[in-house]
């Protein structure tokens, strides 16, 4: 299993606006190997910035690569590279699930 986290740093007061852009998951929901999308908003701004974490869970890396190479991915990210005055930066990280516990 693969988790991909996009950590988006924005000026304080813009976190909810950025998070709300993900209320409709769109085409990613129908991609093979897609398991879940979650959006997390930091509770406490730091140094005038908020952080939005967009996490997607995939069956495997091949499924994620299938998404990022698809026309649906390009369409859903159209205009995302436009510099907005409230954007401070972003980073993309991938994690392999190695341990998981569930309630008994």
N, C-alpha and C. Protein backbone atom coordinates (compact mmCIF):
# COMPACT_ATOMS: atom_id res chain seq x y z
N UNK A 1 0.84 -1.17 0.00
CA UNK A 1 0.00 0.00 0.00
C UNK A 1 0.89 1.24 0.00
N UNK A 2 0.45 2.28 -0.67
CA UNK A 2 1.22 3.52 -0.80
C UNK A 2 0.36 4.71 -0.37
N UNK A 3 0.95 5.58 0.45
CA UNK A 3 0.30 6.83 0.82
C UNK A 3 1.11 7.95 0.20
N UNK A 4 0.43 8.86 -0.49
CA UNK A 4 1.08 10.02 -1.08
C UNK A 4 0.52 11.26 -0.38
N UNK A 5 1.41 12.07 0.15
CA UNK A 5 1.00 13.26 0.90
C UNK A 5 1.52 14.51 0.20
N UNK A 6 0.60 15.39 -0.15
CA UNK A 6 0.94 16.70 -0.70
C UNK A 6 0.74 17.72 0.42
N UNK A 7 1.83 18.25 0.94
CA UNK A 7 1.77 19.24 2.02
C UNK A 7 1.83 20.63 1.40
N UNK A 8 0.73 21.37 1.54
CA UNK A 8 0.60 22.69 0.92
C UNK A 8 0.64 23.74 2.01
N UNK A 9 1.59 24.66 1.91
CA UNK A 9 1.72 25.73 2.89
C UNK A 9 1.13 27.00 2.28
N UNK A 10 0.22 27.64 3.05
CA UNK A 10 -0.46 28.84 2.58
C UNK A 10 -0.43 29.91 3.67
N UNK A 11 -0.64 31.14 3.27
CA UNK A 11 -0.72 32.23 4.24
C UNK A 11 -1.89 31.98 5.19
N UNK A 12 -1.71 32.40 6.43
CA UNK A 12 -2.74 32.25 7.45
C UNK A 12 -4.06 32.84 6.95
N UNK A 13 -5.14 32.08 7.16
CA UNK A 13 -6.47 32.53 6.74
C UNK A 13 -6.92 31.93 5.41
N UNK A 14 -6.02 31.23 4.70
CA UNK A 14 -6.37 30.65 3.40
C UNK A 14 -6.48 29.13 3.43
N UNK A 15 -6.18 28.50 4.56
CA UNK A 15 -6.18 27.04 4.63
C UNK A 15 -7.51 26.42 4.29
N UNK A 16 -8.59 26.93 4.86
CA UNK A 16 -9.93 26.37 4.60
C UNK A 16 -10.30 26.52 3.12
N UNK A 17 -9.94 27.66 2.52
CA UNK A 17 -10.24 27.90 1.10
C UNK A 17 -9.54 26.85 0.23
N UNK A 18 -8.29 26.56 0.53
CA UNK A 18 -7.55 25.56 -0.25
C UNK A 18 -8.14 24.17 0.01
N UNK A 19 -8.41 23.84 1.26
CA UNK A 19 -8.98 22.53 1.60
C UNK A 19 -10.32 22.31 0.90
N UNK A 20 -11.13 23.35 0.83
CA UNK A 20 -12.45 23.23 0.22
C UNK A 20 -12.39 22.88 -1.27
N UNK A 21 -11.27 23.14 -1.91
CA UNK A 21 -11.12 22.79 -3.34
C UNK A 21 -11.16 21.28 -3.55
N UNK A 22 -11.02 20.51 -2.48
CA UNK A 22 -10.98 19.05 -2.59
C UNK A 22 -12.28 18.40 -2.13
N UNK A 23 -13.34 19.18 -1.90
CA UNK A 23 -14.60 18.60 -1.41
C UNK A 23 -15.19 17.61 -2.41
N UNK A 24 -14.91 17.81 -3.69
CA UNK A 24 -15.32 16.87 -4.72
C UNK A 24 -14.06 16.20 -5.24
N UNK A 25 -13.94 14.90 -5.02
CA UNK A 25 -12.72 14.19 -5.41
C UNK A 25 -12.58 14.05 -6.92
N UNK A 26 -13.68 14.02 -7.64
CA UNK A 26 -13.61 13.96 -9.10
C UNK A 26 -13.12 12.63 -9.64
N UNK A 27 -12.35 12.71 -10.72
CA UNK A 27 -11.95 11.53 -11.49
C UNK A 27 -11.06 10.56 -10.74
N UNK A 28 -10.36 11.03 -9.74
CA UNK A 28 -9.45 10.14 -9.01
C UNK A 28 -10.22 8.96 -8.40
N UNK A 29 -11.47 9.18 -8.05
CA UNK A 29 -12.27 8.13 -7.40
C UNK A 29 -12.45 6.90 -8.28
N UNK A 30 -12.38 7.06 -9.58
CA UNK A 30 -12.61 5.93 -10.49
C UNK A 30 -11.30 5.32 -11.01
N UNK A 31 -10.18 5.78 -10.50
CA UNK A 31 -8.89 5.26 -10.97
C UNK A 31 -8.62 3.88 -10.36
N UNK A 32 -8.10 2.94 -11.16
CA UNK A 32 -7.74 1.63 -10.62
C UNK A 32 -6.70 1.77 -9.51
N UNK A 33 -6.93 1.09 -8.41
CA UNK A 33 -5.98 1.10 -7.31
C UNK A 33 -6.15 2.24 -6.33
N UNK A 34 -7.05 3.20 -6.61
CA UNK A 34 -7.31 4.30 -5.68
C UNK A 34 -8.13 3.78 -4.51
N UNK A 35 -7.69 4.10 -3.28
CA UNK A 35 -8.40 3.62 -2.10
C UNK A 35 -9.06 4.73 -1.29
N UNK A 36 -8.39 5.89 -1.17
CA UNK A 36 -8.98 6.94 -0.34
C UNK A 36 -8.25 8.26 -0.55
N UNK A 37 -8.97 9.36 -0.35
CA UNK A 37 -8.41 10.71 -0.35
C UNK A 37 -8.88 11.38 0.94
N UNK A 38 -7.93 12.00 1.63
CA UNK A 38 -8.26 12.76 2.84
C UNK A 38 -7.55 14.11 2.77
N UNK A 39 -8.19 15.12 3.34
CA UNK A 39 -7.60 16.45 3.41
C UNK A 39 -7.56 16.86 4.88
N UNK A 40 -6.38 17.24 5.33
CA UNK A 40 -6.15 17.62 6.73
C UNK A 40 -5.72 19.07 6.77
N UNK A 41 -6.29 19.82 7.71
CA UNK A 41 -5.96 21.23 7.88
C UNK A 41 -5.32 21.42 9.25
N UNK A 42 -4.17 22.09 9.29
CA UNK A 42 -3.46 22.30 10.55
C UNK A 42 -4.36 23.04 11.53
N UNK A 43 -4.21 22.71 12.79
CA UNK A 43 -5.02 23.30 13.85
C UNK A 43 -4.47 24.64 14.32
N UNK A 44 -3.16 24.82 14.22
CA UNK A 44 -2.51 26.02 14.74
C UNK A 44 -1.58 26.62 13.70
N UNK A 45 -1.90 27.81 13.19
CA UNK A 45 -0.98 28.47 12.27
C UNK A 45 0.37 28.70 12.93
N UNK A 46 1.43 28.61 12.15
CA UNK A 46 2.78 28.86 12.65
C UNK A 46 3.46 29.87 11.74
N UNK A 47 4.01 30.89 12.35
CA UNK A 47 4.74 31.92 11.60
C UNK A 47 3.92 32.49 10.45
N UNK A 48 2.62 32.69 10.69
CA UNK A 48 1.75 33.29 9.68
C UNK A 48 1.35 32.35 8.56
N UNK A 49 1.52 31.03 8.77
CA UNK A 49 1.19 30.07 7.70
C UNK A 49 0.33 28.93 8.25
N UNK A 50 -0.50 28.40 7.37
CA UNK A 50 -1.29 27.21 7.66
C UNK A 50 -0.82 26.11 6.71
N UNK A 51 -1.09 24.86 7.09
CA UNK A 51 -0.71 23.75 6.22
C UNK A 51 -1.92 22.88 5.93
N UNK A 52 -2.07 22.54 4.66
CA UNK A 52 -3.11 21.63 4.21
C UNK A 52 -2.39 20.38 3.71
N UNK A 53 -2.77 19.22 4.24
CA UNK A 53 -2.18 17.97 3.78
C UNK A 53 -3.25 17.20 3.02
N UNK A 54 -2.96 16.92 1.76
CA UNK A 54 -3.84 16.13 0.92
C UNK A 54 -3.20 14.75 0.81
N UNK A 55 -3.85 13.74 1.37
CA UNK A 55 -3.29 12.40 1.32
C UNK A 55 -4.17 11.51 0.46
N UNK A 56 -3.51 10.72 -0.36
CA UNK A 56 -4.21 9.72 -1.14
C UNK A 56 -3.59 8.37 -0.81
N UNK A 57 -4.43 7.37 -0.72
CA UNK A 57 -4.00 6.02 -0.42
C UNK A 57 -4.23 5.17 -1.67
N UNK A 58 -3.18 4.43 -2.06
CA UNK A 58 -3.21 3.64 -3.29
C UNK A 58 -2.86 2.19 -3.00
N UNK A 59 -3.38 1.31 -3.83
CA UNK A 59 -3.07 -0.11 -3.72
C UNK A 59 -1.57 -0.33 -3.83
N UNK A 60 -0.93 0.38 -4.76
CA UNK A 60 0.51 0.23 -4.98
C UNK A 60 1.02 1.42 -5.78
N UNK A 61 2.32 1.49 -5.95
CA UNK A 61 2.93 2.61 -6.67
C UNK A 61 2.49 2.66 -8.14
N UNK A 62 2.31 1.51 -8.74
CA UNK A 62 1.87 1.47 -10.14
C UNK A 62 0.51 2.15 -10.30
N UNK A 63 -0.37 1.96 -9.34
CA UNK A 63 -1.70 2.61 -9.40
C UNK A 63 -1.55 4.13 -9.33
N UNK A 64 -0.69 4.61 -8.43
CA UNK A 64 -0.46 6.05 -8.32
C UNK A 64 0.14 6.60 -9.61
N UNK A 65 1.11 5.90 -10.17
CA UNK A 65 1.72 6.35 -11.42
C UNK A 65 0.70 6.36 -12.56
N UNK A 66 -0.22 5.38 -12.53
CA UNK A 66 -1.29 5.38 -13.53
C UNK A 66 -2.13 6.64 -13.45
N UNK A 67 -2.40 7.10 -12.23
CA UNK A 67 -3.15 8.33 -12.02
C UNK A 67 -2.37 9.54 -12.53
N UNK A 68 -1.11 9.65 -12.13
CA UNK A 68 -0.34 10.85 -12.49
C UNK A 68 -0.02 10.92 -13.98
N UNK A 69 -0.11 9.81 -14.69
CA UNK A 69 0.15 9.84 -16.13
C UNK A 69 -1.14 9.90 -16.95
N UNK A 70 -2.28 9.99 -16.28
CA UNK A 70 -3.57 9.97 -16.99
C UNK A 70 -4.00 11.37 -17.44
N UNK A 71 -4.86 11.37 -18.43
CA UNK A 71 -5.46 12.63 -18.90
C UNK A 71 -6.34 13.22 -17.80
N UNK A 72 -7.00 12.37 -17.02
CA UNK A 72 -7.84 12.84 -15.93
C UNK A 72 -7.01 13.62 -14.90
N UNK A 73 -5.80 13.17 -14.62
CA UNK A 73 -4.91 13.89 -13.70
C UNK A 73 -4.57 15.26 -14.27
N UNK A 74 -4.18 15.30 -15.53
CA UNK A 74 -3.82 16.59 -16.16
C UNK A 74 -5.01 17.55 -16.14
N UNK A 75 -6.18 17.05 -16.41
CA UNK A 75 -7.38 17.89 -16.42
C UNK A 75 -7.70 18.40 -15.01
N UNK A 76 -7.57 17.54 -14.00
CA UNK A 76 -7.91 17.95 -12.64
C UNK A 76 -6.90 18.93 -12.05
N UNK A 77 -5.70 18.96 -12.60
CA UNK A 77 -4.67 19.87 -12.11
C UNK A 77 -4.45 21.08 -13.02
N UNK A 78 -5.30 21.23 -14.02
CA UNK A 78 -5.18 22.37 -14.93
C UNK A 78 -5.31 23.67 -14.13
N UNK A 79 -4.33 24.53 -14.27
CA UNK A 79 -4.34 25.80 -13.56
C UNK A 79 -3.72 25.74 -12.18
N UNK A 80 -3.34 24.53 -11.72
CA UNK A 80 -2.78 24.39 -10.37
C UNK A 80 -1.40 25.04 -10.26
N UNK A 81 -0.71 25.18 -11.36
CA UNK A 81 0.62 25.78 -11.33
C UNK A 81 0.61 27.30 -11.31
N UNK A 82 -0.57 27.88 -11.39
CA UNK A 82 -0.69 29.34 -11.37
C UNK A 82 -0.32 29.84 -9.98
N UNK A 83 0.61 30.76 -9.93
CA UNK A 83 1.04 31.30 -8.64
C UNK A 83 -0.09 32.14 -8.04
N UNK A 84 -0.50 31.78 -6.86
CA UNK A 84 -1.51 32.54 -6.15
C UNK A 84 -0.82 33.27 -5.00
N UNK A 85 -1.32 34.43 -4.67
CA UNK A 85 -0.65 35.27 -3.67
C UNK A 85 -0.58 34.63 -2.29
N UNK A 86 -1.45 33.66 -2.01
CA UNK A 86 -1.48 33.04 -0.70
C UNK A 86 -0.66 31.74 -0.61
N UNK A 87 -0.17 31.24 -1.74
CA UNK A 87 0.60 30.01 -1.75
C UNK A 87 2.04 30.29 -1.31
N UNK A 88 2.53 29.49 -0.37
CA UNK A 88 3.89 29.66 0.13
C UNK A 88 4.81 28.51 -0.27
N UNK A 89 4.25 27.39 -0.68
CA UNK A 89 5.06 26.25 -1.09
C UNK A 89 4.31 24.94 -0.93
N UNK A 90 4.91 23.89 -1.45
CA UNK A 90 4.31 22.56 -1.36
C UNK A 90 5.41 21.52 -1.51
N UNK A 91 5.14 20.35 -0.93
CA UNK A 91 6.05 19.22 -1.11
C UNK A 91 5.23 17.95 -1.24
N UNK A 92 5.73 17.01 -2.03
CA UNK A 92 5.04 15.75 -2.28
C UNK A 92 5.91 14.63 -1.73
N UNK A 93 5.32 13.80 -0.87
CA UNK A 93 6.05 12.69 -0.26
C UNK A 93 5.27 11.40 -0.42
N UNK A 94 6.00 10.30 -0.54
CA UNK A 94 5.39 8.98 -0.66
C UNK A 94 5.86 8.10 0.49
N UNK A 95 4.92 7.30 1.01
CA UNK A 95 5.21 6.41 2.12
C UNK A 95 4.65 5.03 1.83
N UNK A 96 5.42 4.02 2.16
CA UNK A 96 4.95 2.64 2.05
C UNK A 96 4.40 2.22 3.41
N UNK A 97 3.24 1.62 3.44
CA UNK A 97 2.68 1.13 4.68
C UNK A 97 3.45 -0.10 5.13
N UNK A 98 4.03 -0.07 6.32
CA UNK A 98 4.79 -1.21 6.81
C UNK A 98 4.18 -1.80 8.08
N UNK A 99 3.38 -1.05 8.82
CA UNK A 99 2.70 -1.56 10.02
C UNK A 99 1.33 -0.90 10.09
N UNK A 100 0.30 -1.68 10.41
CA UNK A 100 -1.04 -1.14 10.59
C UNK A 100 -1.76 -1.93 11.68
N UNK A 101 -2.39 -1.25 12.61
CA UNK A 101 -3.18 -1.88 13.66
C UNK A 101 -4.61 -1.36 13.57
N UNK A 102 -5.55 -2.23 13.84
CA UNK A 102 -6.97 -1.85 13.86
C UNK A 102 -7.53 -2.21 15.23
N UNK A 103 -8.64 -1.56 15.62
CA UNK A 103 -9.26 -1.90 16.91
C UNK A 103 -9.69 -3.38 16.92
N UNK A 104 -9.68 -3.94 18.11
CA UNK A 104 -10.12 -5.35 18.21
C UNK A 104 -11.62 -5.47 18.19
